Amino acid sequence: MKIGVIGIIIERDRTVSEIVNKLLSEYGDMICGRMGLPDKERGVFVISVIVRATNEELSALTGKLGRLKNVKVKSAVTDCDL
């Protein structure tokens, strides 16, 4: 298992946020913390998620999120297993 952070940016159409939240719920066992910052004025919604997961689990979640329209995803993980 590794500790990492996933950065999620939703732009323009916020309707996809329901799908993002559903995916995060499905992978809830690996989530240690989550913070969201809605900027309705600019139409940008940012979510940061701290995770403890295997590379495979992290890739599965970020891959599903990254395929969603108007969603950008970046992740960073520790080099060592914890």
PDB file of N, CA and C in Angstrom:
ATOM      1  N   MET A   1       0.837  -1.182   0.000  1.00  0.00           N
ATOM      2  CA  MET A   1       0.000   0.000   0.000  1.00  0.00           C
ATOM      3  C   MET A   1       0.880   1.243   0.000  1.00  0.00           C
ATOM      4  N   LYS A   2       0.382   2.268  -0.646  1.00  0.00           N
ATOM      5  CA  LYS A   2       1.077   3.546  -0.733  1.00  0.00           C
ATOM      6  C   LYS A   2       0.138   4.662  -0.312  1.00  0.00           C
ATOM      7  N   ILE A   3       0.713   5.749   0.163  1.00  0.00           N
ATOM      8  CA  ILE A   3      -0.065   6.948   0.469  1.00  0.00           C
ATOM      9  C   ILE A   3       0.055   7.872  -0.736  1.00  0.00           C
ATOM     10  N   GLY A   4      -1.049   8.470  -1.120  1.00  0.00           N
ATOM     11  CA  GLY A   4      -1.015   9.366  -2.268  1.00  0.00           C
ATOM     12  C   GLY A   4      -2.111  10.402  -2.199  1.00  0.00           C
ATOM     13  N   VAL A   5      -2.073  11.274  -3.183  1.00  0.00           N
ATOM     14  CA  VAL A   5      -3.096  12.310  -3.301  1.00  0.00           C
ATOM     15  C   VAL A   5      -3.612  12.308  -4.739  1.00  0.00           C
ATOM     16  N   ILE A   6      -4.907  12.463  -4.878  1.00  0.00           N
ATOM     17  CA  ILE A   6      -5.543  12.575  -6.189  1.00  0.00           C
ATOM     18  C   ILE A   6      -6.144  13.970  -6.278  1.00  0.00           C
ATOM     19  N   GLY A   7      -5.787  14.709  -7.305  1.00  0.00           N
ATOM     20  CA  GLY A   7      -6.372  16.017  -7.565  1.00  0.00           C
ATOM     21  C   GLY A   7      -7.388  15.900  -8.685  1.00  0.00           C
ATOM     22  N   ILE A   8      -8.597  16.342  -8.436  1.00  0.00           N
ATOM     23  CA  ILE A   8      -9.683  16.251  -9.410  1.00  0.00           C
ATOM     24  C   ILE A   8     -10.208  17.653  -9.676  1.00  0.00           C
ATOM     25  N   ILE A   9     -10.281  18.030 -10.951  1.00  0.00           N
ATOM     26  CA  ILE A   9     -10.850  19.322 -11.333  1.00  0.00           C
ATOM     27  C   ILE A   9     -12.018  19.075 -12.270  1.00  0.00           C
ATOM     28  N   ILE A  10     -13.171  19.614 -11.892  1.00  0.00           N
ATOM     29  CA  ILE A  10     -14.366  19.542 -12.729  1.00  0.00           C
ATOM     30  C   ILE A  10     -14.589  20.945 -13.279  1.00  0.00           C
ATOM     31  N   GLU A  11     -14.682  21.047 -14.609  1.00  0.00           N
ATOM     32  CA  GLU A  11     -14.857  22.348 -15.259  1.00  0.00           C
ATOM     33  C   GLU A  11     -16.211  22.424 -15.958  1.00  0.00           C
ATOM     34  N   ARG A  12     -16.750  23.627 -15.967  1.00  0.00           N
ATOM     35  CA  ARG A  12     -17.989  23.971 -16.675  1.00  0.00           C
ATOM     36  C   ARG A  12     -19.203  23.202 -16.167  1.00  0.00           C
ATOM     37  N   ASP A  13     -19.484  22.060 -16.733  1.00  0.00           N
ATOM     38  CA  ASP A  13     -20.706  21.307 -16.447  1.00  0.00           C
ATOM     39  C   ASP A  13     -20.552  20.498 -15.160  1.00  0.00           C
ATOM     40  N   ARG A  14     -21.265  20.919 -14.144  1.00  0.00           N
ATOM     41  CA  ARG A  14     -21.138  20.292 -12.831  1.00  0.00           C
ATOM     42  C   ARG A  14     -21.957  19.001 -12.706  1.00  0.00           C
ATOM     43  N   THR A  15     -22.756  18.667 -13.701  1.00  0.00           N
ATOM     44  CA  THR A  15     -23.602  17.477 -13.600  1.00  0.00           C
ATOM     45  C   THR A  15     -22.778  16.198 -13.459  1.00  0.00           C
ATOM     46  N   VAL A  16     -21.551  16.207 -13.928  1.00  0.00           N
ATOM     47  CA  VAL A  16     -20.690  15.032 -13.821  1.00  0.00           C
ATOM     48  C   VAL A  16     -20.265  14.779 -12.374  1.00  0.00           C
ATOM     49  N   SER A  17     -20.451  15.742 -11.499  1.00  0.00           N
ATOM     50  CA  SER A  17     -20.036  15.592 -10.102  1.00  0.00           C
ATOM     51  C   SER A  17     -20.757  14.430  -9.409  1.00  0.00           C
ATOM     52  N   GLU A  18     -21.974  14.130  -9.835  1.00  0.00           N
ATOM     53  CA  GLU A  18     -22.694  12.986  -9.270  1.00  0.00           C
ATOM     54  C   GLU A  18     -21.943  11.689  -9.560  1.00  0.00           C
ATOM     55  N   ILE A  19     -21.424  11.553 -10.766  1.00  0.00           N
ATOM     56  CA  ILE A  19     -20.669  10.360 -11.138  1.00  0.00           C
ATOM     57  C   ILE A  19     -19.350  10.319 -10.377  1.00  0.00           C
ATOM     58  N   VAL A  20     -18.687  11.473 -10.258  1.00  0.00           N
ATOM     59  CA  VAL A  20     -17.430  11.544  -9.506  1.00  0.00           C
ATOM     60  C   VAL A  20     -17.668  11.097  -8.066  1.00  0.00           C
ATOM     61  N   ASN A  21     -18.705  11.612  -7.428  1.00  0.00           N
ATOM     62  CA  ASN A  21     -19.000  11.235  -6.046  1.00  0.00           C
ATOM     63  C   ASN A  21     -19.352   9.762  -5.911  1.00  0.00           C
ATOM     64  N   LYS A  22     -20.040   9.205  -6.897  1.00  0.00           N
ATOM     65  CA  LYS A  22     -20.371   7.779  -6.872  1.00  0.00           C
ATOM     66  C   LYS A  22     -19.099   6.940  -6.945  1.00  0.00           C
ATOM     67  N   LEU A  23     -18.167   7.322  -7.836  1.00  0.00           N
ATOM     68  CA  LEU A  23     -16.907   6.591  -7.945  1.00  0.00           C
ATOM     69  C   LEU A  23     -16.092   6.689  -6.659  1.00  0.00           C
ATOM     70  N   LEU A  24     -16.043   7.880  -6.072  1.00  0.00           N
ATOM     71  CA  LEU A  24     -15.310   8.043  -4.815  1.00  0.00           C
ATOM     72  C   LEU A  24     -15.938   7.198  -3.708  1.00  0.00           C
ATOM     73  N   SER A  25     -17.240   7.072  -3.702  1.00  0.00           N
ATOM     74  CA  SER A  25     -17.919   6.220  -2.715  1.00  0.00           C
ATOM     75  C   SER A  25     -17.578   4.749  -2.924  1.00  0.00           C
ATOM     76  N   GLU A  26     -17.512   4.332  -4.187  1.00  0.00           N
ATOM     77  CA  GLU A  26     -17.171   2.941  -4.493  1.00  0.00           C
ATOM     78  C   GLU A  26     -15.769   2.587  -3.999  1.00  0.00           C
ATOM     79  N   TYR A  27     -14.867   3.554  -4.026  1.00  0.00           N
ATOM     80  CA  TYR A  27     -13.486   3.340  -3.593  1.00  0.00           C
ATOM     81  C   TYR A  27     -13.255   3.930  -2.197  1.00  0.00           C
ATOM     82  N   GLY A  28     -14.323   4.100  -1.434  1.00  0.00           N
ATOM     83  CA  GLY A  28     -14.260   4.752  -0.134  1.00  0.00           C
ATOM     84  C   GLY A  28     -13.336   4.090   0.872  1.00  0.00           C
ATOM     85  N   ASP A  29     -13.125   2.783   0.768  1.00  0.00           N
ATOM     86  CA  ASP A  29     -12.255   2.081   1.715  1.00  0.00           C
ATOM     87  C   ASP A  29     -10.809   2.553   1.645  1.00  0.00           C
ATOM     88  N   MET A  30     -10.390   3.090   0.515  1.00  0.00           N
ATOM     89  CA  MET A  30      -9.001   3.531   0.390  1.00  0.00           C
ATOM     90  C   MET A  30      -8.828   5.031   0.639  1.00  0.00           C
ATOM     91  N   ILE A  31      -9.920   5.752   0.869  1.00  0.00           N
ATOM     92  CA  ILE A  31      -9.856   7.206   1.071  1.00  0.00           C
ATOM     93  C   ILE A  31      -9.645   7.521   2.553  1.00  0.00           C
ATOM     94  N   CYS A  32      -8.580   8.284   2.825  1.00  0.00           N
ATOM     95  CA  CYS A  32      -8.262   8.723   4.193  1.00  0.00           C
ATOM     96  C   CYS A  32      -8.842  10.098   4.479  1.00  0.00           C
ATOM     97  N   GLY A  33      -8.932  10.936   3.455  1.00  0.00           N
ATOM     98  CA  GLY A  33      -9.447  12.289   3.629  1.00  0.00           C
ATOM     99  C   GLY A  33      -9.809  12.907   2.299  1.00  0.00           C
ATOM    100  N   ARG A  34     -10.643  13.931   2.379  1.00  0.00           N
ATOM    101  CA  ARG A  34     -11.129  14.567   1.154  1.00  0.00           C
ATOM    102  C   ARG A  34     -11.463  16.024   1.446  1.00  0.00           C
ATOM    103  N   MET A  35     -11.135  16.896   0.497  1.00  0.00           N
ATOM    104  CA  MET A  35     -11.462  18.309   0.642  1.00  0.00           C
ATOM    105  C   MET A  35     -11.935  18.822  -0.715  1.00  0.00           C
ATOM    106  N   GLY A  36     -12.978  19.620  -0.704  1.00  0.00           N
ATOM    107  CA  GLY A  36     -13.501  20.190  -1.941  1.00  0.00           C
ATOM    108  C   GLY A  36     -13.541  21.703  -1.889  1.00  0.00           C
ATOM    109  N   LEU A  37     -13.321  22.307  -3.032  1.00  0.00           N
ATOM    110  CA  LEU A  37     -13.378  23.765  -3.139  1.00  0.00           C
ATOM    111  C   LEU A  37     -14.200  24.132  -4.369  1.00  0.00           C
ATOM    112  N   PRO A  38     -15.465  24.502  -4.173  1.00  0.00           N
ATOM    113  CA  PRO A  38     -16.279  24.915  -5.313  1.00  0.00           C
ATOM    114  C   PRO A  38     -16.054  26.390  -5.632  1.00  0.00           C
ATOM    115  N   ASP A  39     -15.801  26.686  -6.886  1.00  0.00           N
ATOM    116  CA  ASP A  39     -15.694  28.077  -7.339  1.00  0.00           C
ATOM    117  C   ASP A  39     -16.777  28.272  -8.393  1.00  0.00           C
ATOM    118  N   LYS A  40     -17.993  28.451  -7.925  1.00  0.00           N
ATOM    119  CA  LYS A  40     -19.151  28.552  -8.817  1.00  0.00           C
ATOM    120  C   LYS A  40     -19.043  29.732  -9.761  1.00  0.00           C
ATOM    121  N   GLU A  41     -18.434  30.801  -9.298  1.00  0.00           N
ATOM    122  CA  GLU A  41     -18.283  32.005 -10.113  1.00  0.00           C
ATOM    123  C   GLU A  41     -17.500  31.723 -11.393  1.00  0.00           C
ATOM    124  N   ARG A  42     -16.473  30.912 -11.285  1.00  0.00           N
ATOM    125  CA  ARG A  42     -15.634  30.589 -12.447  1.00  0.00           C
ATOM    126  C   ARG A  42     -15.997  29.251 -13.086  1.00  0.00           C
ATOM    127  N   GLY A  43     -16.885  28.502 -12.455  1.00  0.00           N
ATOM    128  CA  GLY A  43     -17.296  27.213 -13.000  1.00  0.00           C
ATOM    129  C   GLY A  43     -16.243  26.142 -12.867  1.00  0.00           C
ATOM    130  N   VAL A  44     -15.457  26.212 -11.783  1.00  0.00           N
ATOM    131  CA  VAL A  44     -14.406  25.220 -11.534  1.00  0.00           C
ATOM    132  C   VAL A  44     -14.623  24.644 -10.140  1.00  0.00           C
ATOM    133  N   PHE A  45     -14.555  23.330 -10.040  1.00  0.00           N
ATOM    134  CA  PHE A  45     -14.764  22.640  -8.778  1.00  0.00           C
ATOM    135  C   PHE A  45     -13.579  21.707  -8.555  1.00  0.00           C
ATOM    136  N   VAL A  46     -12.868  21.884  -7.437  1.00  0.00           N
ATOM    137  CA  VAL A  46     -11.638  21.151  -7.165  1.00  0.00           C
ATOM    138  C   VAL A  46     -11.857  20.232  -5.971  1.00  0.00           C
ATOM    139  N   ILE A  47     -11.409  18.995  -6.129  1.00  0.00           N
ATOM    140  CA  ILE A  47     -11.478  18.015  -5.039  1.00  0.00           C
ATOM    141  C   ILE A  47     -10.091  17.417  -4.872  1.00  0.00           C
ATOM    142  N   SER A  48      -9.596  17.394  -3.632  1.00  0.00           N
ATOM    143  CA  SER A  48      -8.347  16.685  -3.346  1.00  0.00           C
ATOM    144  C   SER A  48      -8.684  15.512  -2.432  1.00  0.00           C
ATOM    145  N   VAL A  49      -8.106  14.358  -2.759  1.00  0.00           N
ATOM    146  CA  VAL A  49      -8.414  13.134  -2.032  1.00  0.00           C
ATOM    147  C   VAL A  49      -7.099  12.492  -1.589  1.00  0.00           C
ATOM    148  N   ILE A  50      -6.967  12.223  -0.297  1.00  0.00           N
ATOM    149  CA  ILE A  50      -5.810  11.511   0.235  1.00  0.00           C
ATOM    150  C   ILE A  50      -6.187  10.038   0.308  1.00  0.00           C
ATOM    151  N   VAL A  51      -5.323   9.175  -0.246  1.00  0.00           N
ATOM    152  CA  VAL A  51      -5.639   7.751  -0.310  1.00  0.00           C
ATOM    153  C   VAL A  51      -4.499   6.894   0.240  1.00  0.00           C
ATOM    154  N   ARG A  52      -4.861   5.715   0.704  1.00  0.00           N
ATOM    155  CA  ARG A  52      -3.908   4.654   1.016  1.00  0.00           C
ATOM    156  C   ARG A  52      -4.368   3.468   0.182  1.00  0.00           C
ATOM    157  N   ALA A  53      -3.559   3.116  -0.841  1.00  0.00           N
ATOM    158  CA  ALA A  53      -4.014   2.114  -1.801  1.00  0.00           C
ATOM    159  C   ALA A  53      -2.832   1.472  -2.514  1.00  0.00           C
ATOM    160  N   THR A  54      -3.108   0.391  -3.203  1.00  0.00           N
ATOM    161  CA  THR A  54      -2.101  -0.213  -4.079  1.00  0.00           C
ATOM    162  C   THR A  54      -2.059   0.585  -5.378  1.00  0.00           C
ATOM    163  N   ASN A  55      -1.003   0.392  -6.142  1.00  0.00           N
ATOM    164  CA  ASN A  55      -0.915   1.055  -7.445  1.00  0.00           C
ATOM    165  C   ASN A  55      -2.091   0.684  -8.340  1.00  0.00           C
ATOM    166  N   GLU A  56      -2.502  -0.575  -8.278  1.00  0.00           N
ATOM    167  CA  GLU A  56      -3.599  -1.046  -9.117  1.00  0.00           C
ATOM    168  C   GLU A  56      -4.916  -0.368  -8.752  1.00  0.00           C
ATOM    169  N   GLU A  57      -5.182  -0.241  -7.447  1.00  0.00           N
ATOM    170  CA  GLU A  57      -6.409   0.415  -7.001  1.00  0.00           C
ATOM    171  C   GLU A  57      -6.414   1.890  -7.394  1.00  0.00           C
ATOM    172  N   LEU A  58      -5.286   2.536  -7.200  1.00  0.00           N
ATOM    173  CA  LEU A  58      -5.169   3.951  -7.544  1.00  0.00           C
ATOM    174  C   LEU A  58      -5.363   4.164  -9.040  1.00  0.00           C
ATOM    175  N   SER A  59      -4.741   3.315  -9.840  1.00  0.00           N
ATOM    176  CA  SER A  59      -4.876   3.416 -11.299  1.00  0.00           C
ATOM    177  C   SER A  59      -6.307   3.172 -11.754  1.00  0.00           C
ATOM    178  N   ALA A  60      -6.975   2.225 -11.115  1.00  0.00           N
ATOM    179  CA  ALA A  60      -8.364   1.932 -11.484  1.00  0.00           C
ATOM    180  C   ALA A  60      -9.250   3.154 -11.235  1.00  0.00           C
ATOM    181  N   LEU A  61      -9.110   3.769 -10.071  1.00  0.00           N
ATOM    182  CA  LEU A  61      -9.935   4.933  -9.749  1.00  0.00           C
ATOM    183  C   LEU A  61      -9.594   6.120 -10.641  1.00  0.00           C
ATOM    184  N   THR A  62      -8.319   6.454 -10.765  1.00  0.00           N
ATOM    185  CA  THR A  62      -7.955   7.622 -11.574  1.00  0.00           C
ATOM    186  C   THR A  62      -8.289   7.404 -13.047  1.00  0.00           C
ATOM    187  N   GLY A  63      -8.196   6.188 -13.513  1.00  0.00           N
ATOM    188  CA  GLY A  63      -8.562   5.895 -14.898  1.00  0.00           C
ATOM    189  C   GLY A  63     -10.033   6.140 -15.164  1.00  0.00           C
ATOM    190  N   LYS A  64     -10.879   5.679 -14.252  1.00  0.00           N
ATOM    191  CA  LYS A  64     -12.329   5.888 -14.400  1.00  0.00           C
ATOM    192  C   LYS A  64     -12.676   7.374 -14.325  1.00  0.00           C
ATOM    193  N   LEU A  65     -12.042   8.073 -13.391  1.00  0.00           N
ATOM    194  CA  LEU A  65     -12.299   9.512 -13.263  1.00  0.00           C
ATOM    195  C   LEU A  65     -11.819  10.267 -14.501  1.00  0.00           C
ATOM    196  N   GLY A  66     -10.672   9.903 -15.007  1.00  0.00           N
ATOM    197  CA  GLY A  66     -10.077  10.601 -16.146  1.00  0.00           C
ATOM    198  C   GLY A  66     -10.842  10.444 -17.446  1.00  0.00           C
ATOM    199  N   ARG A  67     -11.663   9.425 -17.538  1.00  0.00           N
ATOM    200  CA  ARG A  67     -12.463   9.216 -18.754  1.00  0.00           C
ATOM    201  C   ARG A  67     -13.747  10.037 -18.770  1.00  0.00           C
ATOM    202  N   LEU A  68     -14.053  10.693 -17.665  1.00  0.00           N
ATOM    203  CA  LEU A  68     -15.282  11.489 -17.594  1.00  0.00           C
ATOM    204  C   LEU A  68     -15.102  12.833 -18.292  1.00  0.00           C
ATOM    205  N   LYS A  69     -16.152  13.270 -18.970  1.00  0.00           N
ATOM    206  CA  LYS A  69     -16.126  14.554 -19.675  1.00  0.00           C
ATOM    207  C   LYS A  69     -16.024  15.704 -18.667  1.00  0.00           C
ATOM    208  N   ASN A  70     -15.200  16.695 -18.983  1.00  0.00           N
ATOM    209  CA  ASN A  70     -14.987  17.894 -18.166  1.00  0.00           C
ATOM    210  C   ASN A  70     -14.281  17.616 -16.844  1.00  0.00           C
ATOM    211  N   VAL A  71     -13.623  16.454 -16.723  1.00  0.00           N
ATOM    212  CA  VAL A  71     -12.900  16.105 -15.502  1.00  0.00           C
ATOM    213  C   VAL A  71     -11.422  15.917 -15.834  1.00  0.00           C
ATOM    214  N   LYS A  72     -10.560  16.577 -15.044  1.00  0.00           N
ATOM    215  CA  LYS A  72      -9.110  16.394 -15.155  1.00  0.00           C
ATOM    216  C   LYS A  72      -8.627  15.778 -13.855  1.00  0.00           C
ATOM    217  N   VAL A  73      -7.699  14.824 -13.960  1.00  0.00           N
ATOM    218  CA  VAL A  73      -7.218  14.098 -12.787  1.00  0.00           C
ATOM    219  C   VAL A  73      -5.704  13.997 -12.825  1.00  0.00           C
ATOM    220  N   LYS A  74      -5.079  14.238 -11.685  1.00  0.00           N
ATOM    221  CA  LYS A  74      -3.639  14.024 -11.514  1.00  0.00           C
ATOM    222  C   LYS A  74      -3.440  13.345 -10.169  1.00  0.00           C
ATOM    223  N   SER A  75      -2.424  12.497 -10.091  1.00  0.00           N
ATOM    224  CA  SER A  75      -2.153  11.843  -8.813  1.00  0.00           C
ATOM    225  C   SER A  75      -0.657  11.818  -8.547  1.00  0.00           C
ATOM    226  N   ALA A  76      -0.335  11.717  -7.273  1.00  0.00           N
ATOM    227  CA  ALA A  76       1.052  11.568  -6.831  1.00  0.00           C
ATOM    228  C   ALA A  76       1.046  10.583  -5.683  1.00  0.00           C
ATOM    229  N   VAL A  77       2.013   9.669  -5.674  1.00  0.00           N
ATOM    230  CA  VAL A  77       2.083   8.651  -4.617  1.00  0.00           C
ATOM    231  C   VAL A  77       3.498   8.578  -4.060  1.00  0.00           C
ATOM    232  N   THR A  78       3.603   8.013  -2.869  1.00  0.00           N
ATOM    233  CA  THR A  78       4.907   7.796  -2.254  1.00  0.00           C
ATOM    234  C   THR A  78       5.666   6.741  -3.046  1.00  0.00           C
ATOM    235  N   ASP A  79       6.981   6.786  -2.977  1.00  0.00           N
ATOM    236  CA  ASP A  79       7.817   5.793  -3.663  1.00  0.00           C
ATOM    237  C   ASP A  79       7.859   4.466  -2.912  1.00  0.00           C
ATOM    238  N   CYS A  80       7.714   4.513  -1.604  1.00  0.00           N
ATOM    239  CA  CYS A  80       7.868   3.292  -0.818  1.00  0.00           C
ATOM    240  C   CYS A  80       6.505   2.748  -0.399  1.00  0.00           C
ATOM    241  N   ASP A  81       6.477   1.451  -0.182  1.00  0.00           N
ATOM    242  CA  ASP A  81       5.258   0.811   0.327  1.00  0.00           C
ATOM    243  C   ASP A  81       5.180   1.041   1.827  1.00  0.00           C
ATOM    244  N   LEU A  82       3.978   1.287   2.320  1.00  0.00           N
ATOM    245  CA  LEU A  82       3.767   1.504   3.750  1.00  0.00           C
ATOM    246  C   LEU A  82       2.935   0.400   4.347  1.00  0.00           C
TER     247      LEU A  82
END
